[in-house]
PDB file of all heavy atoms in Angstrom:
ATOM      1  N   ASN A   1      -1.568   7.760 -11.140  1.00  0.00           N
ATOM      2  CA  ASN A   1      -2.988   7.469 -10.961  1.00  0.00           C
ATOM      3  C   ASN A   1      -3.274   6.509  -9.798  1.00  0.00           C
ATOM      4  O   ASN A   1      -4.137   6.665  -9.004  1.00  0.00           O
ATOM      5  CB  ASN A   1      -3.645   6.914 -12.237  1.00  0.00           C
ATOM      6  CG  ASN A   1      -3.500   7.945 -13.417  1.00  0.00           C
ATOM      7  OD1 ASN A   1      -3.522   9.131 -13.155  1.00  0.00           O
ATOM      8  ND2 ASN A   1      -3.380   7.419 -14.592  1.00  0.00           N
ATOM      9  N   SER A   2      -2.425   5.466  -9.732  1.00  0.00           N
ATOM     10  CA  SER A   2      -2.547   4.440  -8.657  1.00  0.00           C
ATOM     11  C   SER A   2      -2.327   5.101  -7.288  1.00  0.00           C
ATOM     12  O   SER A   2      -3.060   4.779  -6.323  1.00  0.00           O
ATOM     13  CB  SER A   2      -1.586   3.338  -8.898  1.00  0.00           C
ATOM     14  OG  SER A   2      -1.825   2.648 -10.093  1.00  0.00           O
ATOM     15  N   ALA A   3      -1.283   5.919  -7.155  1.00  0.00           N
ATOM     16  CA  ALA A   3      -1.038   6.553  -5.853  1.00  0.00           C
ATOM     17  C   ALA A   3      -2.204   7.414  -5.455  1.00  0.00           C
ATOM     18  O   ALA A   3      -2.566   7.498  -4.285  1.00  0.00           O
ATOM     19  CB  ALA A   3       0.260   7.388  -5.985  1.00  0.00           C
ATOM     20  N   ALA A   4      -2.804   8.141  -6.397  1.00  0.00           N
ATOM     21  CA  ALA A   4      -3.967   9.017  -6.090  1.00  0.00           C
ATOM     22  C   ALA A   4      -5.133   8.153  -5.619  1.00  0.00           C
ATOM     23  O   ALA A   4      -5.851   8.467  -4.624  1.00  0.00           O
ATOM     24  CB  ALA A   4      -4.354   9.815  -7.282  1.00  0.00           C
ATOM     25  N   ARG A   5      -5.413   6.996  -6.304  1.00  0.00           N
ATOM     26  CA  ARG A   5      -6.493   6.093  -5.889  1.00  0.00           C
ATOM     27  C   ARG A   5      -6.229   5.504  -4.497  1.00  0.00           C
ATOM     28  O   ARG A   5      -7.131   5.402  -3.680  1.00  0.00           O
ATOM     29  CB  ARG A   5      -6.710   4.964  -6.913  1.00  0.00           C
ATOM     30  CG  ARG A   5      -6.900   5.423  -8.339  1.00  0.00           C
ATOM     31  CD  ARG A   5      -8.247   6.103  -8.568  1.00  0.00           C
ATOM     32  NE  ARG A   5      -8.430   6.415  -9.972  1.00  0.00           N
ATOM     33  CZ  ARG A   5      -8.134   7.584 -10.504  1.00  0.00           C
ATOM     34  NH1 ARG A   5      -7.676   8.596  -9.735  1.00  0.00           N
ATOM     35  NH2 ARG A   5      -8.335   7.795 -11.827  1.00  0.00           N
ATOM     36  N   LEU A   6      -4.992   5.125  -4.278  1.00  0.00           N
ATOM     37  CA  LEU A   6      -4.630   4.520  -2.960  1.00  0.00           C
ATOM     38  C   LEU A   6      -4.778   5.519  -1.879  1.00  0.00           C
ATOM     39  O   LEU A   6      -5.126   5.165  -0.740  1.00  0.00           O
ATOM     40  CB  LEU A   6      -3.207   3.964  -3.027  1.00  0.00           C
ATOM     41  CG  LEU A   6      -2.950   2.774  -3.951  1.00  0.00           C
ATOM     42  CD1 LEU A   6      -1.455   2.449  -3.996  1.00  0.00           C
ATOM     43  CD2 LEU A   6      -3.735   1.578  -3.439  1.00  0.00           C
ATOM     44  N   THR A   7      -4.519   6.810  -2.184  1.00  0.00           N
ATOM     45  CA  THR A   7      -4.676   7.823  -1.121  1.00  0.00           C
ATOM     46  C   THR A   7      -6.150   7.937  -0.655  1.00  0.00           C
ATOM     47  O   THR A   7      -6.448   8.074   0.538  1.00  0.00           O
ATOM     48  CB  THR A   7      -4.185   9.171  -1.688  1.00  0.00           C
ATOM     49  OG1 THR A   7      -2.843   9.076  -2.041  1.00  0.00           O
ATOM     50  CG2 THR A   7      -4.352  10.279  -0.654  1.00  0.00           C
ATOM     51  N   ASP A   8      -7.044   7.873  -1.644  1.00  0.00           N
ATOM     52  CA  ASP A   8      -8.475   7.944  -1.241  1.00  0.00           C
ATOM     53  C   ASP A   8      -8.832   6.736  -0.376  1.00  0.00           C
ATOM     54  O   ASP A   8      -9.594   6.904   0.613  1.00  0.00           O
ATOM     55  CB  ASP A   8      -9.342   7.974  -2.526  1.00  0.00           C
ATOM     56  CG  ASP A   8      -9.215   9.242  -3.286  1.00  0.00           C
ATOM     57  OD1 ASP A   8      -8.910  10.279  -2.657  1.00  0.00           O
ATOM     58  OD2 ASP A   8      -9.470   9.253  -4.495  1.00  0.00           O
ATOM     59  N   LEU A   9      -8.376   5.573  -0.756  1.00  0.00           N
ATOM     60  CA  LEU A   9      -8.657   4.355   0.050  1.00  0.00           C
ATOM     61  C   LEU A   9      -7.946   4.393   1.392  1.00  0.00           C
ATOM     62  O   LEU A   9      -8.474   3.860   2.394  1.00  0.00           O
ATOM     63  CB  LEU A   9      -8.224   3.129  -0.725  1.00  0.00           C
ATOM     64  CG  LEU A   9      -8.940   2.876  -2.074  1.00  0.00           C
ATOM     65  CD1 LEU A   9      -8.364   1.646  -2.746  1.00  0.00           C
ATOM     66  CD2 LEU A   9     -10.444   2.754  -1.884  1.00  0.00           C
ATOM     67  N   ALA A  10      -6.777   4.998   1.486  1.00  0.00           N
ATOM     68  CA  ALA A  10      -6.005   5.058   2.710  1.00  0.00           C
ATOM     69  C   ALA A  10      -6.660   5.822   3.825  1.00  0.00           C
ATOM     70  O   ALA A  10      -6.402   5.625   5.018  1.00  0.00           O
ATOM     71  CB  ALA A  10      -4.599   5.612   2.436  1.00  0.00           C
ATOM     72  N   LYS A  11      -7.591   6.702   3.486  1.00  0.00           N
ATOM     73  CA  LYS A  11      -8.253   7.514   4.472  1.00  0.00           C
ATOM     74  C   LYS A  11      -9.173   6.658   5.367  1.00  0.00           C
ATOM     75  O   LYS A  11      -9.545   7.039   6.472  1.00  0.00           O
ATOM     76  CB  LYS A  11      -9.112   8.604   3.790  1.00  0.00           C
ATOM     77  CG  LYS A  11      -8.291   9.571   2.995  1.00  0.00           C
ATOM     78  CD  LYS A  11      -9.144  10.588   2.245  1.00  0.00           C
ATOM     79  CE  LYS A  11      -8.307  11.559   1.422  1.00  0.00           C
ATOM     80  NZ  LYS A  11      -9.143  12.532   0.659  1.00  0.00           N
ATOM     81  N   ASP A  12      -9.466   5.406   4.925  1.00  0.00           N
ATOM     82  CA  ASP A  12     -10.337   4.503   5.701  1.00  0.00           C
ATOM     83  C   ASP A  12      -9.501   3.326   6.260  1.00  0.00           C
ATOM     84  O   ASP A  12     -10.100   2.363   6.802  1.00  0.00           O
ATOM     85  CB  ASP A  12     -11.463   3.934   4.819  1.00  0.00           C
ATOM     86  CG  ASP A  12     -12.358   5.022   4.292  1.00  0.00           C
ATOM     87  OD1 ASP A  12     -12.664   5.982   5.065  1.00  0.00           O
ATOM     88  OD2 ASP A  12     -12.790   4.956   3.123  1.00  0.00           O
ATOM     89  N   VAL A  13      -8.195   3.399   6.119  1.00  0.00           N
ATOM     90  CA  VAL A  13      -7.324   2.365   6.603  1.00  0.00           C
ATOM     91  C   VAL A  13      -6.665   2.780   7.911  1.00  0.00           C
ATOM     92  O   VAL A  13      -6.257   3.903   8.066  1.00  0.00           O
ATOM     93  CB  VAL A  13      -6.246   2.032   5.573  1.00  0.00           C
ATOM     94  CG1 VAL A  13      -5.196   1.072   6.128  1.00  0.00           C
ATOM     95  CG2 VAL A  13      -6.878   1.423   4.330  1.00  0.00           C
ATOM     96  N   PRO A  14      -6.612   1.876   8.936  1.00  0.00           N
ATOM     97  CA  PRO A  14      -5.909   2.179  10.171  1.00  0.00           C
ATOM     98  C   PRO A  14      -4.445   2.576   9.883  1.00  0.00           C
ATOM     99  O   PRO A  14      -3.766   1.911   9.146  1.00  0.00           O
ATOM    100  CB  PRO A  14      -5.986   0.911  10.981  1.00  0.00           C
ATOM    101  CG  PRO A  14      -7.190   0.196  10.462  1.00  0.00           C
ATOM    102  CD  PRO A  14      -7.256   0.537   9.002  1.00  0.00           C
ATOM    103  N   GLY A  15      -4.087   3.740  10.372  1.00  0.00           N
ATOM    104  CA  GLY A  15      -2.703   4.247  10.108  1.00  0.00           C
ATOM    105  C   GLY A  15      -2.683   5.253   8.984  1.00  0.00           C
ATOM    106  O   GLY A  15      -1.758   6.032   8.858  1.00  0.00           O
ATOM    107  N   GLY A  16      -3.661   5.219   8.118  1.00  0.00           N
ATOM    108  CA  GLY A  16      -3.802   6.183   7.045  1.00  0.00           C
ATOM    109  C   GLY A  16      -2.790   6.053   5.944  1.00  0.00           C
ATOM    110  O   GLY A  16      -2.623   6.978   5.178  1.00  0.00           O
ATOM    111  N   VAL A  17      -2.139   4.902   5.801  1.00  0.00           N
ATOM    112  CA  VAL A  17      -1.120   4.735   4.729  1.00  0.00           C
ATOM    113  C   VAL A  17      -1.410   3.426   3.988  1.00  0.00           C
ATOM    114  O   VAL A  17      -1.643   2.380   4.629  1.00  0.00           O
ATOM    115  CB  VAL A  17       0.318   4.661   5.339  1.00  0.00           C
ATOM    116  CG1 VAL A  17       1.334   4.554   4.192  1.00  0.00           C
ATOM    117  CG2 VAL A  17       0.609   5.832   6.203  1.00  0.00           C
ATOM    118  N   LEU A  18      -1.461   3.519   2.687  1.00  0.00           N
ATOM    119  CA  LEU A  18      -1.720   2.343   1.847  1.00  0.00           C
ATOM    120  C   LEU A  18      -0.746   2.374   0.681  1.00  0.00           C
ATOM    121  O   LEU A  18      -0.563   3.352  -0.014  1.00  0.00           O
ATOM    122  CB  LEU A  18      -3.142   2.407   1.308  1.00  0.00           C
ATOM    123  CG  LEU A  18      -3.693   1.137   0.674  1.00  0.00           C
ATOM    124  CD1 LEU A  18      -3.765  -0.031   1.715  1.00  0.00           C
ATOM    125  CD2 LEU A  18      -5.128   1.372   0.131  1.00  0.00           C
ATOM    126  N   ALA A  19      -0.097   1.209   0.440  1.00  0.00           N
ATOM    127  CA  ALA A  19       0.919   1.135  -0.605  1.00  0.00           C
ATOM    128  C   ALA A  19       0.656  -0.100  -1.490  1.00  0.00           C
ATOM    129  O   ALA A  19      -0.008  -1.049  -1.027  1.00  0.00           O
ATOM    130  CB  ALA A  19       2.319   1.025  -0.019  1.00  0.00           C
ATOM    131  N   SER A  20       1.115  -0.040  -2.705  1.00  0.00           N
ATOM    132  CA  SER A  20       1.036  -1.215  -3.559  1.00  0.00           C
ATOM    133  C   SER A  20       2.091  -2.202  -3.127  1.00  0.00           C
ATOM    134  O   SER A  20       3.205  -1.825  -2.730  1.00  0.00           O
ATOM    135  CB  SER A  20       1.258  -0.814  -5.023  1.00  0.00           C
ATOM    136  OG  SER A  20       2.588  -0.369  -5.253  1.00  0.00           O
ATOM    137  N   TRP A  21       1.739  -3.515  -3.232  1.00  0.00           N
ATOM    138  CA  TRP A  21       2.722  -4.501  -2.815  1.00  0.00           C
ATOM    139  C   TRP A  21       3.941  -4.515  -3.674  1.00  0.00           C
ATOM    140  O   TRP A  21       5.045  -4.940  -3.280  1.00  0.00           O
ATOM    141  CB  TRP A  21       2.062  -5.871  -2.763  1.00  0.00           C
ATOM    142  CG  TRP A  21       2.966  -6.933  -2.219  1.00  0.00           C
ATOM    143  CD1 TRP A  21       3.651  -7.863  -2.900  1.00  0.00           C
ATOM    144  CD2 TRP A  21       3.352  -7.082  -0.862  1.00  0.00           C
ATOM    145  NE1 TRP A  21       4.447  -8.615  -2.076  1.00  0.00           N
ATOM    146  CE2 TRP A  21       4.285  -8.161  -0.795  1.00  0.00           C
ATOM    147  CE3 TRP A  21       3.027  -6.414   0.325  1.00  0.00           C
ATOM    148  CZ2 TRP A  21       4.855  -8.590   0.403  1.00  0.00           C
ATOM    149  CZ3 TRP A  21       3.565  -6.832   1.516  1.00  0.00           C
ATOM    150  CH2 TRP A  21       4.502  -7.889   1.527  1.00  0.00           C
ATOM    151  N   ASP A  22       3.800  -4.053  -4.927  1.00  0.00           N
ATOM    152  CA  ASP A  22       4.983  -3.977  -5.836  1.00  0.00           C
ATOM    153  C   ASP A  22       6.016  -3.061  -5.237  1.00  0.00           C
ATOM    154  O   ASP A  22       7.232  -3.297  -5.351  1.00  0.00           O
ATOM    155  CB  ASP A  22       4.557  -3.422  -7.192  1.00  0.00           C
ATOM    156  CG  ASP A  22       3.695  -4.460  -7.980  1.00  0.00           C
ATOM    157  OD1 ASP A  22       3.727  -5.662  -7.610  1.00  0.00           O
ATOM    158  OD2 ASP A  22       3.000  -4.018  -8.936  1.00  0.00           O
ATOM    159  N   SER A  23       5.607  -1.981  -4.587  1.00  0.00           N
ATOM    160  CA  SER A  23       6.566  -1.042  -3.940  1.00  0.00           C
ATOM    161  C   SER A  23       7.283  -1.724  -2.783  1.00  0.00           C
ATOM    162  O   SER A  23       8.511  -1.626  -2.658  1.00  0.00           O
ATOM    163  CB  SER A  23       5.841   0.208  -3.455  1.00  0.00           C
ATOM    164  OG  SER A  23       5.241   0.897  -4.512  1.00  0.00           O
ATOM    165  N   VAL A  24       6.537  -2.468  -1.995  1.00  0.00           N
ATOM    166  CA  VAL A  24       7.152  -3.164  -0.831  1.00  0.00           C
ATOM    167  C   VAL A  24       8.078  -4.264  -1.335  1.00  0.00           C
ATOM    168  O   VAL A  24       9.185  -4.431  -0.788  1.00  0.00           O
ATOM    169  CB  VAL A  24       6.056  -3.786   0.101  1.00  0.00           C
ATOM    170  CG1 VAL A  24       6.671  -4.539   1.222  1.00  0.00           C
ATOM    171  CG2 VAL A  24       5.112  -2.670   0.615  1.00  0.00           C
ATOM    172  N   ASP A  25       7.654  -4.973  -2.343  1.00  0.00           N
ATOM    173  CA  ASP A  25       8.488  -6.076  -2.881  1.00  0.00           C
ATOM    174  C   ASP A  25       9.765  -5.528  -3.482  1.00  0.00           C
ATOM    175  O   ASP A  25      10.845  -6.127  -3.324  1.00  0.00           O
ATOM    176  CB  ASP A  25       7.687  -6.805  -3.909  1.00  0.00           C
ATOM    177  CG  ASP A  25       8.376  -8.122  -4.326  1.00  0.00           C
ATOM    178  OD1 ASP A  25       8.854  -8.834  -3.451  1.00  0.00           O
ATOM    179  OD2 ASP A  25       8.474  -8.407  -5.565  1.00  0.00           O
ATOM    180  N   LEU A  26       9.670  -4.310  -4.145  1.00  0.00           N
ATOM    181  CA  LEU A  26      10.892  -3.747  -4.744  1.00  0.00           C
ATOM    182  C   LEU A  26      11.809  -3.210  -3.665  1.00  0.00           C
ATOM    183  O   LEU A  26      13.041  -3.187  -3.842  1.00  0.00           O
ATOM    184  CB  LEU A  26      10.464  -2.625  -5.749  1.00  0.00           C
ATOM    185  CG  LEU A  26      11.598  -1.915  -6.511  1.00  0.00           C
ATOM    186  CD1 LEU A  26      12.328  -2.928  -7.395  1.00  0.00           C
ATOM    187  CD2 LEU A  26      11.053  -0.779  -7.348  1.00  0.00           C
ATOM    188  N   ALA A  27      11.253  -2.750  -2.546  1.00  0.00           N
ATOM    189  CA  ALA A  27      12.093  -2.153  -1.474  1.00  0.00           C
ATOM    190  C   ALA A  27      12.943  -3.182  -0.843  1.00  0.00           C
ATOM    191  O   ALA A  27      14.148  -2.966  -0.591  1.00  0.00           O
ATOM    192  CB  ALA A  27      11.195  -1.474  -0.464  1.00  0.00           C
ATOM    193  N   GLY A  28      12.390  -4.379  -0.551  1.00  0.00           N
ATOM    194  CA  GLY A  28      13.166  -5.338   0.117  1.00  0.00           C
ATOM    195  C   GLY A  28      13.424  -5.043   1.564  1.00  0.00           C
ATOM    196  O   GLY A  28      12.956  -4.063   2.119  1.00  0.00           O
ATOM    197  N   GLU A  29      14.259  -5.889   2.231  1.00  0.00           N
ATOM    198  CA  GLU A  29      14.541  -5.666   3.638  1.00  0.00           C
ATOM    199  C   GLU A  29      15.591  -4.588   3.810  1.00  0.00           C
ATOM    200  O   GLU A  29      16.437  -4.404   2.919  1.00  0.00           O
ATOM    201  CB  GLU A  29      15.062  -6.976   4.267  1.00  0.00           C
ATOM    202  CG  GLU A  29      14.043  -8.153   4.246  1.00  0.00           C
ATOM    203  CD  GLU A  29      12.804  -7.825   5.149  1.00  0.00           C
ATOM    204  OE1 GLU A  29      12.949  -6.979   6.058  1.00  0.00           O
ATOM    205  OE2 GLU A  29      11.737  -8.453   4.884  1.00  0.00           O
ATOM    206  N   PRO A  30      15.565  -3.850   4.928  1.00  0.00           N
ATOM    207  CA  PRO A  30      14.666  -4.001   6.107  1.00  0.00           C
ATOM    208  C   PRO A  30      13.368  -3.268   5.967  1.00  0.00           C
ATOM    209  O   PRO A  30      12.458  -3.405   6.843  1.00  0.00           O
ATOM    210  CB  PRO A  30      15.512  -3.476   7.218  1.00  0.00           C
ATOM    211  CG  PRO A  30      16.326  -2.345   6.587  1.00  0.00           C
ATOM    212  CD  PRO A  30      16.630  -2.853   5.191  1.00  0.00           C
ATOM    213  N   GLU A  31      13.195  -2.375   4.943  1.00  0.00           N
ATOM    214  CA  GLU A  31      11.982  -1.582   4.852  1.00  0.00           C
ATOM    215  C   GLU A  31      10.739  -2.445   4.706  1.00  0.00           C
ATOM    216  O   GLU A  31       9.701  -2.166   5.298  1.00  0.00           O
ATOM    217  CB  GLU A  31      12.102  -0.626   3.657  1.00  0.00           C
ATOM    218  CG  GLU A  31      10.901   0.255   3.442  1.00  0.00           C
ATOM    219  CD  GLU A  31      10.598   1.153   4.640  1.00  0.00           C
ATOM    220  OE1 GLU A  31      11.535   1.613   5.289  1.00  0.00           O
ATOM    221  OE2 GLU A  31       9.403   1.383   4.912  1.00  0.00           O
ATOM    222  N   ALA A  32      10.855  -3.545   3.954  1.00  0.00           N
ATOM    223  CA  ALA A  32       9.696  -4.431   3.739  1.00  0.00           C
ATOM    224  C   ALA A  32       9.176  -5.000   5.049  1.00  0.00           C
ATOM    225  O   ALA A  32       7.979  -5.331   5.175  1.00  0.00           O
ATOM    226  CB  ALA A  32      10.036  -5.514   2.751  1.00  0.00           C
ATOM    227  N   GLY A  33      10.042  -5.083   6.070  1.00  0.00           N
ATOM    228  CA  GLY A  33       9.618  -5.639   7.342  1.00  0.00           C
ATOM    229  C   GLY A  33       8.598  -4.787   8.050  1.00  0.00           C
ATOM    230  O   GLY A  33       7.964  -5.228   9.010  1.00  0.00           O
ATOM    231  N   HIS A  34       8.480  -3.503   7.640  1.00  0.00           N
ATOM    232  CA  HIS A  34       7.488  -2.627   8.299  1.00  0.00           C
ATOM    233  C   HIS A  34       6.106  -2.691   7.654  1.00  0.00           C
ATOM    234  O   HIS A  34       5.214  -2.019   8.147  1.00  0.00           O
ATOM    235  CB  HIS A  34       7.987  -1.119   8.198  1.00  0.00           C
ATOM    236  CG  HIS A  34       9.305  -0.870   8.910  1.00  0.00           C
ATOM    237  ND1 HIS A  34       9.351  -0.777  10.303  1.00  0.00           N
ATOM    238  CD2 HIS A  34      10.563  -0.759   8.469  1.00  0.00           C
ATOM    239  CE1 HIS A  34      10.620  -0.522  10.653  1.00  0.00           C
ATOM    240  NE2 HIS A  34      11.355  -0.525   9.525  1.00  0.00           N
ATOM    241  N   TRP A  35       5.981  -3.571   6.669  1.00  0.00           N
ATOM    242  CA  TRP A  35       4.689  -3.616   5.931  1.00  0.00           C
ATOM    243  C   TRP A  35       4.131  -5.070   5.897  1.00  0.00           C
ATOM    244  O   TRP A  35       4.924  -6.008   5.919  1.00  0.00           O
ATOM    245  CB  TRP A  35       4.887  -3.135   4.489  1.00  0.00           C
ATOM    246  CG  TRP A  35       5.437  -1.742   4.408  1.00  0.00           C
ATOM    247  CD1 TRP A  35       6.728  -1.308   4.576  1.00  0.00           C
ATOM    248  CD2 TRP A  35       4.646  -0.530   4.270  1.00  0.00           C
ATOM    249  NE1 TRP A  35       6.813   0.049   4.479  1.00  0.00           N
ATOM    250  CE2 TRP A  35       5.585   0.561   4.285  1.00  0.00           C
ATOM    251  CE3 TRP A  35       3.307  -0.250   4.079  1.00  0.00           C
ATOM    252  CZ2 TRP A  35       5.178   1.878   4.122  1.00  0.00           C
ATOM    253  CZ3 TRP A  35       2.902   1.053   3.922  1.00  0.00           C
ATOM    254  CH2 TRP A  35       3.820   2.138   3.990  1.00  0.00           C
ATOM    255  N   VAL A  36       2.851  -5.147   5.838  1.00  0.00           N
ATOM    256  CA  VAL A  36       2.167  -6.454   5.713  1.00  0.00           C
ATOM    257  C   VAL A  36       1.152  -6.339   4.594  1.00  0.00           C
ATOM    258  O   VAL A  36       0.653  -5.288   4.270  1.00  0.00           O
ATOM    259  CB  VAL A  36       1.483  -6.894   7.003  1.00  0.00           C
ATOM    260  CG1 VAL A  36       2.497  -7.127   8.108  1.00  0.00           C
ATOM    261  CG2 VAL A  36       0.406  -5.835   7.439  1.00  0.00           C
ATOM    262  N   GLU A  37       0.845  -7.532   3.986  1.00  0.00           N
ATOM    263  CA  GLU A  37      -0.171  -7.545   2.896  1.00  0.00           C
ATOM    264  C   GLU A  37      -1.519  -7.181   3.444  1.00  0.00           C
ATOM    265  O   GLU A  37      -1.891  -7.486   4.568  1.00  0.00           O
ATOM    266  CB  GLU A  37      -0.186  -8.920   2.227  1.00  0.00           C
ATOM    267  CG  GLU A  37       0.963  -9.172   1.293  1.00  0.00           C
ATOM    268  CD  GLU A  37       0.705 -10.324   0.360  1.00  0.00           C
ATOM    269  OE1 GLU A  37      -0.168 -10.189  -0.546  1.00  0.00           O
ATOM    270  OE2 GLU A  37       1.308 -11.363   0.555  1.00  0.00           O
ATOM    271  N   TYR A  38      -2.323  -6.546   2.534  1.00  0.00           N
ATOM    272  CA  TYR A  38      -3.643  -6.103   2.942  1.00  0.00           C
ATOM    273  C   TYR A  38      -4.673  -6.493   1.848  1.00  0.00           C
ATOM    274  O   TYR A  38      -5.517  -5.716   1.462  1.00  0.00           O
ATOM    275  CB  TYR A  38      -3.631  -4.629   3.175  1.00  0.00           C
ATOM    276  CG  TYR A  38      -4.867  -4.110   3.958  1.00  0.00           C
ATOM    277  CD1 TYR A  38      -5.054  -4.430   5.302  1.00  0.00           C
ATOM    278  CD2 TYR A  38      -5.806  -3.303   3.337  1.00  0.00           C
ATOM    279  CE1 TYR A  38      -6.102  -3.964   6.003  1.00  0.00           C
ATOM    280  CE2 TYR A  38      -6.931  -2.823   4.020  1.00  0.00           C
ATOM    281  CZ  TYR A  38      -7.066  -3.155   5.355  1.00  0.00           C
ATOM    282  OH  TYR A  38      -8.158  -2.696   6.055  1.00  0.00           O
ATOM    283  N   GLY A  39      -4.496  -7.652   1.293  1.00  0.00           N
ATOM    284  CA  GLY A  39      -5.399  -8.131   0.281  1.00  0.00           C
ATOM    285  C   GLY A  39      -5.123  -7.419  -1.030  1.00  0.00           C
ATOM    286  O   GLY A  39      -4.006  -6.968  -1.361  1.00  0.00           O
ATOM    287  N   GLU A  40      -6.184  -7.422  -1.872  1.00  0.00           N
ATOM    288  CA  GLU A  40      -6.018  -6.746  -3.163  1.00  0.00           C
ATOM    289  C   GLU A  40      -7.386  -6.184  -3.575  1.00  0.00           C
ATOM    290  O   GLU A  40      -8.426  -6.476  -3.036  1.00  0.00           O
ATOM    291  CB  GLU A  40      -5.600  -7.781  -4.208  1.00  0.00           C
ATOM    292  CG  GLU A  40      -6.538  -8.970  -4.396  1.00  0.00           C
ATOM    293  CD  GLU A  40      -6.001  -9.938  -5.441  1.00  0.00           C
ATOM    294  OE1 GLU A  40      -4.763 -10.053  -5.621  1.00  0.00           O
ATOM    295  OE2 GLU A  40      -6.871 -10.619  -6.046  1.00  0.00           O
ATOM    296  N   THR A  41      -7.326  -5.224  -4.558  1.00  0.00           N
ATOM    297  CA  THR A  41      -8.522  -4.574  -5.035  1.00  0.00           C
ATOM    298  C   THR A  41      -8.267  -4.076  -6.438  1.00  0.00           C
ATOM    299  O   THR A  41      -7.130  -3.894  -6.857  1.00  0.00           O
ATOM    300  CB  THR A  41      -8.906  -3.375  -4.138  1.00  0.00           C
ATOM    301  OG1 THR A  41     -10.210  -2.912  -4.525  1.00  0.00           O
ATOM    302  CG2 THR A  41      -7.907  -2.271  -4.210  1.00  0.00           C
ATOM    303  N   VAL A  42      -9.366  -3.882  -7.177  1.00  0.00           N
ATOM    304  CA  VAL A  42      -9.254  -3.323  -8.544  1.00  0.00           C
ATOM    305  C   VAL A  42      -9.456  -1.800  -8.408  1.00  0.00           C
ATOM    306  O   VAL A  42     -10.560  -1.338  -8.059  1.00  0.00           O
ATOM    307  CB  VAL A  42     -10.328  -3.914  -9.474  1.00  0.00           C
ATOM    308  CG1 VAL A  42     -10.219  -3.280 -10.850  1.00  0.00           C
ATOM    309  CG2 VAL A  42     -10.137  -5.438  -9.572  1.00  0.00           C
ATOM    310  N   LEU A  43      -8.408  -1.023  -8.666  1.00  0.00           N
ATOM    311  CA  LEU A  43      -8.474   0.432  -8.592  1.00  0.00           C
ATOM    312  C   LEU A  43      -9.303   0.982  -9.726  1.00  0.00           C
ATOM    313  O   LEU A  43      -9.323   0.425 -10.819  1.00  0.00           O
ATOM    314  CB  LEU A  43      -7.064   0.974  -8.595  1.00  0.00           C
ATOM    315  CG  LEU A  43      -6.163   0.578  -7.429  1.00  0.00           C
ATOM    316  CD1 LEU A  43      -4.756   1.176  -7.637  1.00  0.00           C
ATOM    317  CD2 LEU A  43      -6.753   0.992  -6.083  1.00  0.00           C
ATOM    318  N   ARG A  44      -9.927   2.067  -9.471  1.00  0.00           N
ATOM    319  CA  ARG A  44     -10.737   2.739 -10.506  1.00  0.00           C
ATOM    320  C   ARG A  44      -9.871   3.084 -11.712  1.00  0.00           C
ATOM    321  O   ARG A  44      -8.827   3.630 -11.590  1.00  0.00           O
ATOM    322  CB  ARG A  44     -11.386   4.006  -9.936  1.00  0.00           C
ATOM    323  CG  ARG A  44     -12.296   4.756 -10.896  1.00  0.00           C
ATOM    324  CD  ARG A  44     -13.161   5.726 -10.123  1.00  0.00           C
ATOM    325  NE  ARG A  44     -12.366   6.616  -9.275  1.00  0.00           N
ATOM    326  CZ  ARG A  44     -11.871   7.779  -9.683  1.00  0.00           C
ATOM    327  NH1 ARG A  44     -12.064   8.153 -10.978  1.00  0.00           N
ATOM    328  NH2 ARG A  44     -11.204   8.532  -8.861  1.00  0.00           N
TER     329      ARG A  44
END
């Protein structure tokens, strides 16, 4: 459900990709280095 909600929001984000920070945090380096925080929101 979260991935589907993020997809709708990603259509308005530069680059068209939006991920949960939990995914970036779990990935670790070096993959995490390609991502930056983008605030937070309450998903539907």
